[in-house]
Amino acid sequence: MKTIFDHIEQIKGKPHHVRKRIAIGTAAAGSGFIALIWLIGSFATNAFAIQGSSFAMSTGQAPVATTSASGTSGEGLAGAAAALKDAQAPAHIDIVDTSVAPTQKAPEQTTIPF
């Protein structure tokens, strides 16, 4: 029985185009094996399962429970729609000035020579 080192020595003696084909095939097989293991693991842990896959949940007819860090329902939600106090109010944008104050020194730019 040949060892892996004997097999590598045999491949080294082949023409360049054959070695290139073997290298690409080996890389593709290794990548495919890793992808297969990842896919099996994802299915086993239900990573691809759709949460709330009932018809009522997907159409928005089922009650949705949301909680914040304080434990109160409906407060502290992230997003633009949750930030509006009045749903009938017109949309607006607040511009916040983030310029560097004159008393603060601007950070120096670092140059990395290559």
PDB file of N, CA and C in Angstrom:
ATOM      1  N   MET A   1       0.836  -1.176   0.000  1.00  0.00           N
ATOM      2  CA  MET A   1       0.000   0.000   0.000  1.00  0.00           C
ATOM      3  C   MET A   1       0.885   1.245   0.000  1.00  0.00           C
ATOM      4  N   LYS A   2       0.522   2.224  -0.860  1.00  0.00           N
ATOM      5  CA  LYS A   2       1.303   3.443  -0.982  1.00  0.00           C
ATOM      6  C   LYS A   2       0.949   4.412   0.140  1.00  0.00           C
ATOM      7  N   THR A   3       1.956   5.109   0.599  1.00  0.00           N
ATOM      8  CA  THR A   3       1.701   6.170   1.566  1.00  0.00           C
ATOM      9  C   THR A   3       1.361   7.443   0.810  1.00  0.00           C
ATOM     10  N   ILE A   4       0.928   8.446   1.527  1.00  0.00           N
ATOM     11  CA  ILE A   4       0.579   9.717   0.903  1.00  0.00           C
ATOM     12  C   ILE A   4       1.813  10.364   0.273  1.00  0.00           C
ATOM     13  N   PHE A   5       2.978  10.147   0.892  1.00  0.00           N
ATOM     14  CA  PHE A   5       4.208  10.727   0.350  1.00  0.00           C
ATOM     15  C   PHE A   5       4.591  10.073  -0.981  1.00  0.00           C
ATOM     16  N   ASP A   6       4.356   8.759  -1.098  1.00  0.00           N
ATOM     17  CA  ASP A   6       4.612   8.085  -2.372  1.00  0.00           C
ATOM     18  C   ASP A   6       3.670   8.603  -3.453  1.00  0.00           C
ATOM     19  N   HIS A   7       2.414   8.856  -3.068  1.00  0.00           N
ATOM     20  CA  HIS A   7       1.430   9.359  -4.025  1.00  0.00           C
ATOM     21  C   HIS A   7       1.815  10.772  -4.489  1.00  0.00           C
ATOM     22  N   ILE A   8       2.284  11.604  -3.565  1.00  0.00           N
ATOM     23  CA  ILE A   8       2.705  12.964  -3.929  1.00  0.00           C
ATOM     24  C   ILE A   8       3.912  12.920  -4.854  1.00  0.00           C
ATOM     25  N   GLU A   9       4.863  12.041  -4.579  1.00  0.00           N
ATOM     26  CA  GLU A   9       6.040  11.909  -5.451  1.00  0.00           C
ATOM     27  C   GLU A   9       5.632  11.461  -6.850  1.00  0.00           C
ATOM     28  N   GLN A  10       4.640  10.579  -6.942  1.00  0.00           N
ATOM     29  CA  GLN A  10       4.161  10.115  -8.244  1.00  0.00           C
ATOM     30  C   GLN A  10       3.499  11.273  -9.003  1.00  0.00           C
ATOM     31  N   ILE A  11       2.730  12.118  -8.290  1.00  0.00           N
ATOM     32  CA  ILE A  11       2.063  13.252  -8.929  1.00  0.00           C
ATOM     33  C   ILE A  11       3.090  14.293  -9.383  1.00  0.00           C
ATOM     34  N   LYS A  12       4.171  14.463  -8.635  1.00  0.00           N
ATOM     35  CA  LYS A  12       5.219  15.418  -9.017  1.00  0.00           C
ATOM     36  C   LYS A  12       5.856  15.051 -10.352  1.00  0.00           C
ATOM     37  N   GLY A  13       5.826  13.794 -10.717  1.00  0.00           N
ATOM     38  CA  GLY A  13       6.418  13.355 -11.973  1.00  0.00           C
ATOM     39  C   GLY A  13       5.514  13.549 -13.175  1.00  0.00           C
ATOM     40  N   LYS A  14       4.271  13.935 -12.966  1.00  0.00           N
ATOM     41  CA  LYS A  14       3.318  14.110 -14.064  1.00  0.00           C
ATOM     42  C   LYS A  14       3.468  15.503 -14.675  1.00  0.00           C
ATOM     43  N   PRO A  15       2.933  15.708 -15.879  1.00  0.00           N
ATOM     44  CA  PRO A  15       3.006  17.025 -16.535  1.00  0.00           C
ATOM     45  C   PRO A  15       2.247  18.093 -15.735  1.00  0.00           C
ATOM     46  N   HIS A  16       2.581  19.349 -16.030  1.00  0.00           N
ATOM     47  CA  HIS A  16       2.025  20.476 -15.283  1.00  0.00           C
ATOM     48  C   HIS A  16       0.504  20.536 -15.375  1.00  0.00           C
ATOM     49  N   HIS A  17      -0.074  20.333 -16.568  1.00  0.00           N
ATOM     50  CA  HIS A  17      -1.526  20.440 -16.722  1.00  0.00           C
ATOM     51  C   HIS A  17      -2.250  19.356 -15.921  1.00  0.00           C
ATOM     52  N   VAL A  18      -1.641  18.195 -15.763  1.00  0.00           N
ATOM     53  CA  VAL A  18      -2.257  17.124 -14.974  1.00  0.00           C
ATOM     54  C   VAL A  18      -2.182  17.477 -13.488  1.00  0.00           C
ATOM     55  N   ARG A  19      -1.048  18.005 -13.053  1.00  0.00           N
ATOM     56  CA  ARG A  19      -0.903  18.407 -11.645  1.00  0.00           C
ATOM     57  C   ARG A  19      -1.886  19.522 -11.293  1.00  0.00           C
ATOM     58  N   LYS A  20      -2.081  20.442 -12.247  1.00  0.00           N
ATOM     59  CA  LYS A  20      -3.018  21.538 -12.022  1.00  0.00           C
ATOM     60  C   LYS A  20      -4.444  20.997 -11.874  1.00  0.00           C
ATOM     61  N   ARG A  21      -4.819  20.033 -12.728  1.00  0.00           N
ATOM     62  CA  ARG A  21      -6.137  19.418 -12.646  1.00  0.00           C
ATOM     63  C   ARG A  21      -6.334  18.705 -11.314  1.00  0.00           C
ATOM     64  N   ILE A  22      -5.307  18.004 -10.871  1.00  0.00           N
ATOM     65  CA  ILE A  22      -5.384  17.283  -9.599  1.00  0.00           C
ATOM     66  C   ILE A  22      -5.514  18.265  -8.439  1.00  0.00           C
ATOM     67  N   ALA A  23      -4.773  19.378  -8.484  1.00  0.00           N
ATOM     68  CA  ALA A  23      -4.836  20.371  -7.415  1.00  0.00           C
ATOM     69  C   ALA A  23      -6.216  21.022  -7.336  1.00  0.00           C
ATOM     70  N   ILE A  24      -6.763  21.381  -8.501  1.00  0.00           N
ATOM     71  CA  ILE A  24      -8.097  22.001  -8.516  1.00  0.00           C
ATOM     72  C   ILE A  24      -9.154  20.998  -8.070  1.00  0.00           C
ATOM     73  N   GLY A  25      -9.047  19.765  -8.516  1.00  0.00           N
ATOM     74  CA  GLY A  25     -10.005  18.744  -8.097  1.00  0.00           C
ATOM     75  C   GLY A  25      -9.945  18.468  -6.603  1.00  0.00           C
ATOM     76  N   THR A  26      -8.734  18.429  -6.050  1.00  0.00           N
ATOM     77  CA  THR A  26      -8.582  18.195  -4.623  1.00  0.00           C
ATOM     78  C   THR A  26      -9.148  19.366  -3.826  1.00  0.00           C
ATOM     79  N   ALA A  27      -8.886  20.594  -4.273  1.00  0.00           N
ATOM     80  CA  ALA A  27      -9.423  21.774  -3.583  1.00  0.00           C
ATOM     81  C   ALA A  27     -10.944  21.804  -3.654  1.00  0.00           C
ATOM     82  N   ALA A  28     -11.505  21.459  -4.812  1.00  0.00           N
ATOM     83  CA  ALA A  28     -12.960  21.437  -4.963  1.00  0.00           C
ATOM     84  C   ALA A  28     -13.582  20.355  -4.087  1.00  0.00           C
ATOM     85  N   ALA A  29     -12.952  19.184  -4.032  1.00  0.00           N
ATOM     86  CA  ALA A  29     -13.475  18.110  -3.191  1.00  0.00           C
ATOM     87  C   ALA A  29     -13.413  18.488  -1.716  1.00  0.00           C
ATOM     88  N   GLY A  30     -12.325  19.117  -1.289  1.00  0.00           N
ATOM     89  CA  GLY A  30     -12.203  19.551   0.102  1.00  0.00           C
ATOM     90  C   GLY A  30     -13.227  20.615   0.453  1.00  0.00           C
ATOM     91  N   SER A  31     -13.429  21.577  -0.446  1.00  0.00           N
ATOM     92  CA  SER A  31     -14.429  22.620  -0.216  1.00  0.00           C
ATOM     93  C   SER A  31     -15.833  22.035  -0.188  1.00  0.00           C
ATOM     94  N   GLY A  32     -16.103  21.107  -1.085  1.00  0.00           N
ATOM     95  CA  GLY A  32     -17.410  20.452  -1.102  1.00  0.00           C
ATOM     96  C   GLY A  32     -17.668  19.668   0.175  1.00  0.00           C
ATOM     97  N   PHE A  33     -16.639  19.009   0.693  1.00  0.00           N
ATOM     98  CA  PHE A  33     -16.775  18.248   1.934  1.00  0.00           C
ATOM     99  C   PHE A  33     -17.078  19.186   3.102  1.00  0.00           C
ATOM    100  N   ILE A  34     -16.369  20.300   3.171  1.00  0.00           N
ATOM    101  CA  ILE A  34     -16.616  21.273   4.244  1.00  0.00           C
ATOM    102  C   ILE A  34     -18.018  21.856   4.120  1.00  0.00           C
ATOM    103  N   ALA A  35     -18.458  22.184   2.903  1.00  0.00           N
ATOM    104  CA  ALA A  35     -19.800  22.722   2.689  1.00  0.00           C
ATOM    105  C   ALA A  35     -20.862  21.702   3.077  1.00  0.00           C
ATOM    106  N   LEU A  36     -20.626  20.438   2.781  1.00  0.00           N
ATOM    107  CA  LEU A  36     -21.574  19.390   3.140  1.00  0.00           C
ATOM    108  C   LEU A  36     -21.694  19.264   4.659  1.00  0.00           C
ATOM    109  N   ILE A  37     -20.567  19.294   5.353  1.00  0.00           N
ATOM    110  CA  ILE A  37     -20.590  19.220   6.816  1.00  0.00           C
ATOM    111  C   ILE A  37     -21.329  20.428   7.393  1.00  0.00           C
ATOM    112  N   TRP A  38     -21.080  21.627   6.833  1.00  0.00           N
ATOM    113  CA  TRP A  38     -21.755  22.836   7.297  1.00  0.00           C
ATOM    114  C   TRP A  38     -23.263  22.731   7.060  1.00  0.00           C
ATOM    115  N   LEU A  39     -23.662  22.249   5.892  1.00  0.00           N
ATOM    116  CA  LEU A  39     -25.073  22.131   5.562  1.00  0.00           C
ATOM    117  C   LEU A  39     -25.770  21.132   6.476  1.00  0.00           C
ATOM    118  N   ILE A  40     -25.142  19.996   6.721  1.00  0.00           N
ATOM    119  CA  ILE A  40     -25.720  18.991   7.615  1.00  0.00           C
ATOM    120  C   ILE A  40     -25.846  19.564   9.026  1.00  0.00           C
ATOM    121  N   GLY A  41     -24.826  20.278   9.482  1.00  0.00           N
ATOM    122  CA  GLY A  41     -24.884  20.894  10.807  1.00  0.00           C
ATOM    123  C   GLY A  41     -25.969  21.951  10.906  1.00  0.00           C
ATOM    124  N   SER A  42     -26.162  22.726   9.848  1.00  0.00           N
ATOM    125  CA  SER A  42     -27.196  23.754   9.857  1.00  0.00           C
ATOM    126  C   SER A  42     -28.589  23.144   9.890  1.00  0.00           C
ATOM    127  N   PHE A  43     -28.799  22.081   9.146  1.00  0.00           N
ATOM    128  CA  PHE A  43     -30.092  21.416   9.174  1.00  0.00           C
ATOM    129  C   PHE A  43     -30.335  20.728  10.515  1.00  0.00           C
ATOM    130  N   ALA A  44     -29.293  20.167  11.103  1.00  0.00           N
ATOM    131  CA  ALA A  44     -29.444  19.466  12.378  1.00  0.00           C
ATOM    132  C   ALA A  44     -29.784  20.425  13.509  1.00  0.00           C
ATOM    133  N   THR A  45     -29.299  21.655  13.454  1.00  0.00           N
ATOM    134  CA  THR A  45     -29.581  22.632  14.511  1.00  0.00           C
ATOM    135  C   THR A  45     -30.748  23.541  14.164  1.00  0.00           C
ATOM    136  N   ASN A  46     -31.453  23.269  13.085  1.00  0.00           N
ATOM    137  CA  ASN A  46     -32.606  24.057  12.619  1.00  0.00           C
ATOM    138  C   ASN A  46     -32.241  25.507  12.338  1.00  0.00           C
ATOM    139  N   ALA A  47     -31.061  25.755  11.835  1.00  0.00           N
ATOM    140  CA  ALA A  47     -30.648  27.111  11.504  1.00  0.00           C
ATOM    141  C   ALA A  47     -31.414  27.638  10.298  1.00  0.00           C
ATOM    142  N   PHE A  48     -31.937  26.754   9.455  1.00  0.00           N
ATOM    143  CA  PHE A  48     -32.690  27.182   8.279  1.00  0.00           C
ATOM    144  C   PHE A  48     -34.191  27.213   8.523  1.00  0.00           C
ATOM    145  N   ALA A  49     -34.623  26.856   9.730  1.00  0.00           N
ATOM    146  CA  ALA A  49     -36.050  26.834  10.028  1.00  0.00           C
ATOM    147  C   ALA A  49     -36.583  28.259  10.084  1.00  0.00           C
ATOM    148  N   ILE A  50     -37.764  28.476   9.536  1.00  0.00           N
ATOM    149  CA  ILE A  50     -38.390  29.795   9.568  1.00  0.00           C
ATOM    150  C   ILE A  50     -39.138  29.907  10.878  1.00  0.00           C
ATOM    151  N   GLN A  51     -38.784  30.900  11.668  1.00  0.00           N
ATOM    152  CA  GLN A  51     -39.444  31.113  12.948  1.00  0.00           C
ATOM    153  C   GLN A  51     -40.831  31.700  12.696  1.00  0.00           C
ATOM    154  N   GLY A  52     -41.845  31.162  13.329  1.00  0.00           N
ATOM    155  CA  GLY A  52     -43.202  31.665  13.139  1.00  0.00           C
ATOM    156  C   GLY A  52     -43.709  31.363  11.751  1.00  0.00           C
ATOM    157  N   SER A  53     -43.683  30.107  11.357  1.00  0.00           N
ATOM    158  CA  SER A  53     -44.027  29.766   9.991  1.00  0.00           C
ATOM    159  C   SER A  53     -45.510  29.466   9.799  1.00  0.00           C
ATOM    160  N   SER A  54     -46.347  29.758  10.796  1.00  0.00           N
ATOM    161  CA  SER A  54     -47.776  29.533  10.603  1.00  0.00           C
ATOM    162  C   SER A  54     -48.337  30.629   9.695  1.00  0.00           C
ATOM    163  N   PHE A  55     -49.492  30.373   9.113  1.00  0.00           N
ATOM    164  CA  PHE A  55     -50.095  31.332   8.193  1.00  0.00           C
ATOM    165  C   PHE A  55     -50.465  32.617   8.909  1.00  0.00           C
ATOM    166  N   ALA A  56     -51.005  32.508  10.118  1.00  0.00           N
ATOM    167  CA  ALA A  56     -51.396  33.695  10.871  1.00  0.00           C
ATOM    168  C   ALA A  56     -50.184  34.547  11.210  1.00  0.00           C
ATOM    169  N   MET A  57     -49.066  33.913  11.520  1.00  0.00           N
ATOM    170  CA  MET A  57     -47.861  34.674  11.848  1.00  0.00           C
ATOM    171  C   MET A  57     -47.312  35.375  10.609  1.00  0.00           C
ATOM    172  N   SER A  58     -47.329  34.705   9.463  1.00  0.00           N
ATOM    173  CA  SER A  58     -46.758  35.293   8.261  1.00  0.00           C
ATOM    174  C   SER A  58     -47.625  36.409   7.686  1.00  0.00           C
ATOM    175  N   THR A  59     -48.918  36.393   7.945  1.00  0.00           N
ATOM    176  CA  THR A  59     -49.796  37.454   7.447  1.00  0.00           C
ATOM    177  C   THR A  59     -49.962  38.577   8.449  1.00  0.00           C
ATOM    178  N   GLY A  60     -49.389  38.437   9.629  1.00  0.00           N
ATOM    179  CA  GLY A  60     -49.462  39.493  10.629  1.00  0.00           C
ATOM    180  C   GLY A  60     -50.756  39.497  11.406  1.00  0.00           C
ATOM    181  N   GLN A  61     -51.566  38.441  11.347  1.00  0.00           N
ATOM    182  CA  GLN A  61     -52.832  38.399  12.051  1.00  0.00           C
ATOM    183  C   GLN A  61     -52.708  37.838  13.460  1.00  0.00           C
ATOM    184  N   ALA A  62     -51.612  37.211  13.749  1.00  0.00           N
ATOM    185  CA  ALA A  62     -51.411  36.647  15.083  1.00  0.00           C
ATOM    186  C   ALA A  62     -50.839  37.727  15.993  1.00  0.00           C
ATOM    187  N   PRO A  63     -51.161  37.677  17.281  1.00  0.00           N
ATOM    188  CA  PRO A  63     -50.581  38.664  18.196  1.00  0.00           C
ATOM    189  C   PRO A  63     -49.077  38.465  18.310  1.00  0.00           C
ATOM    190  N   VAL A  64     -48.349  39.576  18.304  1.00  0.00           N
ATOM    191  CA  VAL A  64     -46.900  39.527  18.389  1.00  0.00           C
ATOM    192  C   VAL A  64     -46.494  40.123  19.729  1.00  0.00           C
ATOM    193  N   ALA A  65     -45.765  39.368  20.510  1.00  0.00           N
ATOM    194  CA  ALA A  65     -45.314  39.842  21.813  1.00  0.00           C
ATOM    195  C   ALA A  65     -43.913  40.404  21.677  1.00  0.00           C
ATOM    196  N   THR A  66     -43.749  41.667  22.056  1.00  0.00           N
ATOM    197  CA  THR A  66     -42.426  42.277  22.040  1.00  0.00           C
ATOM    198  C   THR A  66     -42.132  42.776  23.430  1.00  0.00           C
ATOM    199  N   THR A  67     -40.924  42.595  23.870  1.00  0.00           N
ATOM    200  CA  THR A  67     -40.528  43.080  25.184  1.00  0.00           C
ATOM    201  C   THR A  67     -39.242  43.859  25.065  1.00  0.00           C
ATOM    202  N   SER A  68     -39.041  44.751  25.973  1.00  0.00           N
ATOM    203  CA  SER A  68     -37.810  45.532  26.000  1.00  0.00           C
ATOM    204  C   SER A  68     -36.940  45.032  27.134  1.00  0.00           C
ATOM    205  N   ALA A  69     -35.817  45.684  27.342  1.00  0.00           N
ATOM    206  CA  ALA A  69     -34.904  45.282  28.400  1.00  0.00           C
ATOM    207  C   ALA A  69     -35.543  45.449  29.774  1.00  0.00           C
ATOM    208  N   SER A  70     -36.458  46.423  29.912  1.00  0.00           N
ATOM    209  CA  SER A  70     -37.101  46.638  31.205  1.00  0.00           C
ATOM    210  C   SER A  70     -38.240  45.669  31.439  1.00  0.00           C
ATOM    211  N   GLY A  71     -38.609  44.910  30.410  1.00  0.00           N
ATOM    212  CA  GLY A  71     -39.661  43.915  30.559  1.00  0.00           C
ATOM    213  C   GLY A  71     -41.034  44.426  30.202  1.00  0.00           C
ATOM    214  N   THR A  72     -41.186  45.712  29.868  1.00  0.00           N
ATOM    215  CA  THR A  72     -42.479  46.235  29.483  1.00  0.00           C
ATOM    216  C   THR A  72     -42.711  45.986  28.017  1.00  0.00           C
ATOM    217  N   SER A  73     -43.921  45.686  27.665  1.00  0.00           N
ATOM    218  CA  SER A  73     -44.228  45.321  26.290  1.00  0.00           C
ATOM    219  C   SER A  73     -44.347  46.554  25.406  1.00  0.00           C
ATOM    220  N   GLY A  74     -43.696  46.533  24.250  1.00  0.00           N
ATOM    221  CA  GLY A  74     -43.860  47.565  23.245  1.00  0.00           C
ATOM    222  C   GLY A  74     -42.986  48.785  23.420  1.00  0.00           C
ATOM    223  N   GLU A  75     -42.180  48.866  24.456  1.00  0.00           N
ATOM    224  CA  GLU A  75     -41.315  50.017  24.648  1.00  0.00           C
ATOM    225  C   GLU A  75     -39.884  49.662  24.277  1.00  0.00           C
ATOM    226  N   GLY A  76     -39.145  50.631  23.837  1.00  0.00           N
ATOM    227  CA  GLY A  76     -37.733  50.416  23.553  1.00  0.00           C
ATOM    228  C   GLY A  76     -37.477  49.682  22.245  1.00  0.00           C
ATOM    229  N   LEU A  77     -38.427  49.699  21.332  1.00  0.00           N
ATOM    230  CA  LEU A  77     -38.225  49.024  20.052  1.00  0.00           C
ATOM    231  C   LEU A  77     -37.312  49.855  19.174  1.00  0.00           C
ATOM    232  N   ALA A  78     -36.481  49.182  18.404  1.00  0.00           N
ATOM    233  CA  ALA A  78     -35.584  49.878  17.491  1.00  0.00           C
ATOM    234  C   ALA A  78     -36.280  50.048  16.154  1.00  0.00           C
ATOM    235  N   GLY A  79     -35.871  51.062  15.415  1.00  0.00           N
ATOM    236  CA  GLY A  79     -36.409  51.251  14.076  1.00  0.00           C
ATOM    237  C   GLY A  79     -37.124  52.579  13.944  1.00  0.00           C
ATOM    238  N   ALA A  80     -37.311  53.026  12.721  1.00  0.00           N
ATOM    239  CA  ALA A  80     -37.914  54.329  12.469  1.00  0.00           C
ATOM    240  C   ALA A  80     -39.387  54.341  12.835  1.00  0.00           C
ATOM    241  N   ALA A  81     -40.118  53.266  12.564  1.00  0.00           N
ATOM    242  CA  ALA A  81     -41.546  53.237  12.855  1.00  0.00           C
ATOM    243  C   ALA A  81     -41.801  53.277  14.353  1.00  0.00           C
ATOM    244  N   ALA A  82     -40.969  52.635  15.125  1.00  0.00           N
ATOM    245  CA  ALA A  82     -41.149  52.621  16.572  1.00  0.00           C
ATOM    246  C   ALA A  82     -40.754  53.954  17.187  1.00  0.00           C
ATOM    247  N   ALA A  83     -39.923  54.729  16.507  1.00  0.00           N
ATOM    248  CA  ALA A  83     -39.462  56.002  17.058  1.00  0.00           C
ATOM    249  C   ALA A  83     -40.522  57.088  16.954  1.00  0.00           C
ATOM    250  N   LEU A  84     -41.497  56.920  16.070  1.00  0.00           N
ATOM    251  CA  LEU A  84     -42.538  57.925  15.909  1.00  0.00           C
ATOM    252  C   LEU A  84     -43.504  57.867  17.082  1.00  0.00           C
ATOM    253  N   LYS A  85     -43.738  59.016  17.710  1.00  0.00           N
ATOM    254  CA  LYS A  85     -44.708  59.084  18.808  1.00  0.00           C
ATOM    255  C   LYS A  85     -46.122  59.124  18.243  1.00  0.00           C
ATOM    256  N   ASP A  86     -46.313  59.882  17.189  1.00  0.00           N
ATOM    257  CA  ASP A  86     -47.621  60.033  16.572  1.00  0.00           C
ATOM    258  C   ASP A  86     -47.548  59.452  15.163  1.00  0.00           C
ATOM    259  N   ALA A  87     -48.358  58.439  14.880  1.00  0.00           N
ATOM    260  CA  ALA A  87     -48.309  57.772  13.583  1.00  0.00           C
ATOM    261  C   ALA A  87     -48.790  58.689  12.458  1.00  0.00           C
ATOM    262  N   GLN A  88     -49.581  59.732  12.778  1.00  0.00           N
ATOM    263  CA  GLN A  88     -50.111  60.631  11.759  1.00  0.00           C
ATOM    264  C   GLN A  88     -49.194  61.823  11.502  1.00  0.00           C
ATOM    265  N   ALA A  89     -48.150  61.984  12.306  1.00  0.00           N
ATOM    266  CA  ALA A  89     -47.237  63.116  12.141  1.00  0.00           C
ATOM    267  C   ALA A  89     -46.404  62.934  10.876  1.00  0.00           C
ATOM    268  N   PRO A  90     -46.043  64.042  10.209  1.00  0.00           N
ATOM    269  CA  PRO A  90     -45.214  63.914   9.008  1.00  0.00           C
ATOM    270  C   PRO A  90     -43.803  63.450   9.374  1.00  0.00           C
ATOM    271  N   ALA A  91     -43.185  62.743   8.457  1.00  0.00           N
ATOM    272  CA  ALA A  91     -41.826  62.254   8.684  1.00  0.00           C
ATOM    273  C   ALA A  91     -40.856  63.428   8.680  1.00  0.00           C
ATOM    274  N   HIS A  92     -39.818  63.341   9.494  1.00  0.00           N
ATOM    275  CA  HIS A  92     -38.830  64.402   9.553  1.00  0.00           C
ATOM    276  C   HIS A  92     -37.455  63.810   9.831  1.00  0.00           C
ATOM    277  N   ILE A  93     -36.447  64.604   9.566  1.00  0.00           N
ATOM    278  CA  ILE A  93     -35.064  64.183   9.796  1.00  0.00           C
ATOM    279  C   ILE A  93     -34.420  65.188  10.736  1.00  0.00           C
ATOM    280  N   ASP A  94     -33.804  64.710  11.788  1.00  0.00           N
ATOM    281  CA  ASP A  94     -33.052  65.566  12.697  1.00  0.00           C
ATOM    282  C   ASP A  94     -31.588  65.509  12.298  1.00  0.00           C
ATOM    283  N   ILE A  95     -30.976  66.669  12.077  1.00  0.00           N
ATOM    284  CA  ILE A  95     -29.561  66.730  11.722  1.00  0.00           C
ATOM    285  C   ILE A  95     -28.771  67.069  12.972  1.00  0.00           C
ATOM    286  N   VAL A  96     -27.807  66.238  13.300  1.00  0.00           N
ATOM    287  CA  VAL A  96     -26.999  66.417  14.491  1.00  0.00           C
ATOM    288  C   VAL A  96     -25.594  66.795  14.052  1.00  0.00           C
ATOM    289  N   ASP A  97     -25.097  67.917  14.578  1.00  0.00           N
ATOM    290  CA  ASP A  97     -23.758  68.386  14.232  1.00  0.00           C
ATOM    291  C   ASP A  97     -22.740  67.569  15.017  1.00  0.00           C
ATOM    292  N   THR A  98     -21.834  66.900  14.314  1.00  0.00           N
ATOM    293  CA  THR A  98     -20.825  66.065  14.964  1.00  0.00           C
ATOM    294  C   THR A  98     -19.422  66.568  14.683  1.00  0.00           C
ATOM    295  N   SER A  99     -19.296  67.846  14.377  1.00  0.00           N
ATOM    296  CA  SER A  99     -17.967  68.376  14.064  1.00  0.00           C
ATOM    297  C   SER A  99     -17.120  68.422  15.330  1.00  0.00           C
ATOM    298  N   VAL A 100     -15.806  68.465  15.144  1.00  0.00           N
ATOM    299  CA  VAL A 100     -14.867  68.507  16.254  1.00  0.00           C
ATOM    300  C   VAL A 100     -14.884  69.907  16.853  1.00  0.00           C
ATOM    301  N   ALA A 101     -14.999  69.983  18.157  1.00  0.00           N
ATOM    302  CA  ALA A 101     -14.999  71.277  18.838  1.00  0.00           C
ATOM    303  C   ALA A 101     -13.640  71.934  18.650  1.00  0.00           C
ATOM    304  N   PRO A 102     -13.585  73.278  18.600  1.00  0.00           N
ATOM    305  CA  PRO A 102     -12.306  73.951  18.363  1.00  0.00           C
ATOM    306  C   PRO A 102     -11.284  73.705  19.478  1.00  0.00           C
ATOM    307  N   THR A 103     -11.726  73.394  20.685  1.00  0.00           N
ATOM    308  CA  THR A 103     -10.777  73.156  21.772  1.00  0.00           C
ATOM    309  C   THR A 103     -10.162  71.770  21.694  1.00  0.00           C
ATOM    310  N   GLN A 104     -10.786  70.883  20.930  1.00  0.00           N
ATOM    311  CA  GLN A 104     -10.253  69.527  20.805  1.00  0.00           C
ATOM    312  C   GLN A 104      -9.293  69.460  19.625  1.00  0.00           C
ATOM    313  N   LYS A 105      -8.246  68.688  19.793  1.00  0.00           N
ATOM    314  CA  LYS A 105      -7.275  68.495  18.725  1.00  0.00           C
ATOM    315  C   LYS A 105      -7.763  67.377  17.799  1.00  0.00           C
ATOM    316  N   ALA A 106      -7.749  67.633  16.517  1.00  0.00           N
ATOM    317  CA  ALA A 106      -8.158  66.607  15.549  1.00  0.00           C
ATOM    318  C   ALA A 106      -7.148  65.469  15.575  1.00  0.00           C
ATOM    319  N   PRO A 107      -7.603  64.240  15.457  1.00  0.00           N
ATOM    320  CA  PRO A 107      -6.659  63.116  15.487  1.00  0.00           C
ATOM    321  C   PRO A 107      -5.708  63.156  14.298  1.00  0.00           C
ATOM    322  N   GLU A 108      -4.448  62.792  14.562  1.00  0.00           N
ATOM    323  CA  GLU A 108      -3.446  62.790  13.500  1.00  0.00           C
ATOM    324  C   GLU A 108      -3.636  61.569  12.606  1.00  0.00           C
ATOM    325  N   GLN A 109      -3.417  61.782  11.345  1.00  0.00           N
ATOM    326  CA  GLN A 109      -3.540  60.685  10.397  1.00  0.00           C
ATOM    327  C   GLN A 109      -2.253  59.861  10.412  1.00  0.00           C
ATOM    328  N   THR A 110      -2.405  58.563  10.480  1.00  0.00           N
ATOM    329  CA  THR A 110      -1.265  57.673  10.519  1.00  0.00           C
ATOM    330  C   THR A 110      -0.949  57.188   9.109  1.00  0.00           C
ATOM    331  N   THR A 111       0.300  57.288   8.718  1.00  0.00           N
ATOM    332  CA  THR A 111       0.724  56.801   7.412  1.00  0.00           C
ATOM    333  C   THR A 111       1.587  55.566   7.613  1.00  0.00           C
ATOM    334  N   ILE A 112       1.208  54.495   6.953  1.00  0.00           N
ATOM    335  CA  ILE A 112       1.963  53.255   7.047  1.00  0.00           C
ATOM    336  C   ILE A 112       2.698  53.054   5.732  1.00  0.00           C
ATOM    337  N   PRO A 113       4.042  53.128   5.751  1.00  0.00           N
ATOM    338  CA  PRO A 113       4.786  52.935   4.498  1.00  0.00           C
ATOM    339  C   PRO A 113       4.823  51.457   4.110  1.00  0.00           C
ATOM    340  N   PHE A 114       4.721  51.210   2.839  1.00  0.00           N
ATOM    341  CA  PHE A 114       4.764  49.837   2.350  1.00  0.00           C
ATOM    342  C   PHE A 114       6.016  49.594   1.551  1.00  0.00           C
TER     343      PHE A 114
END
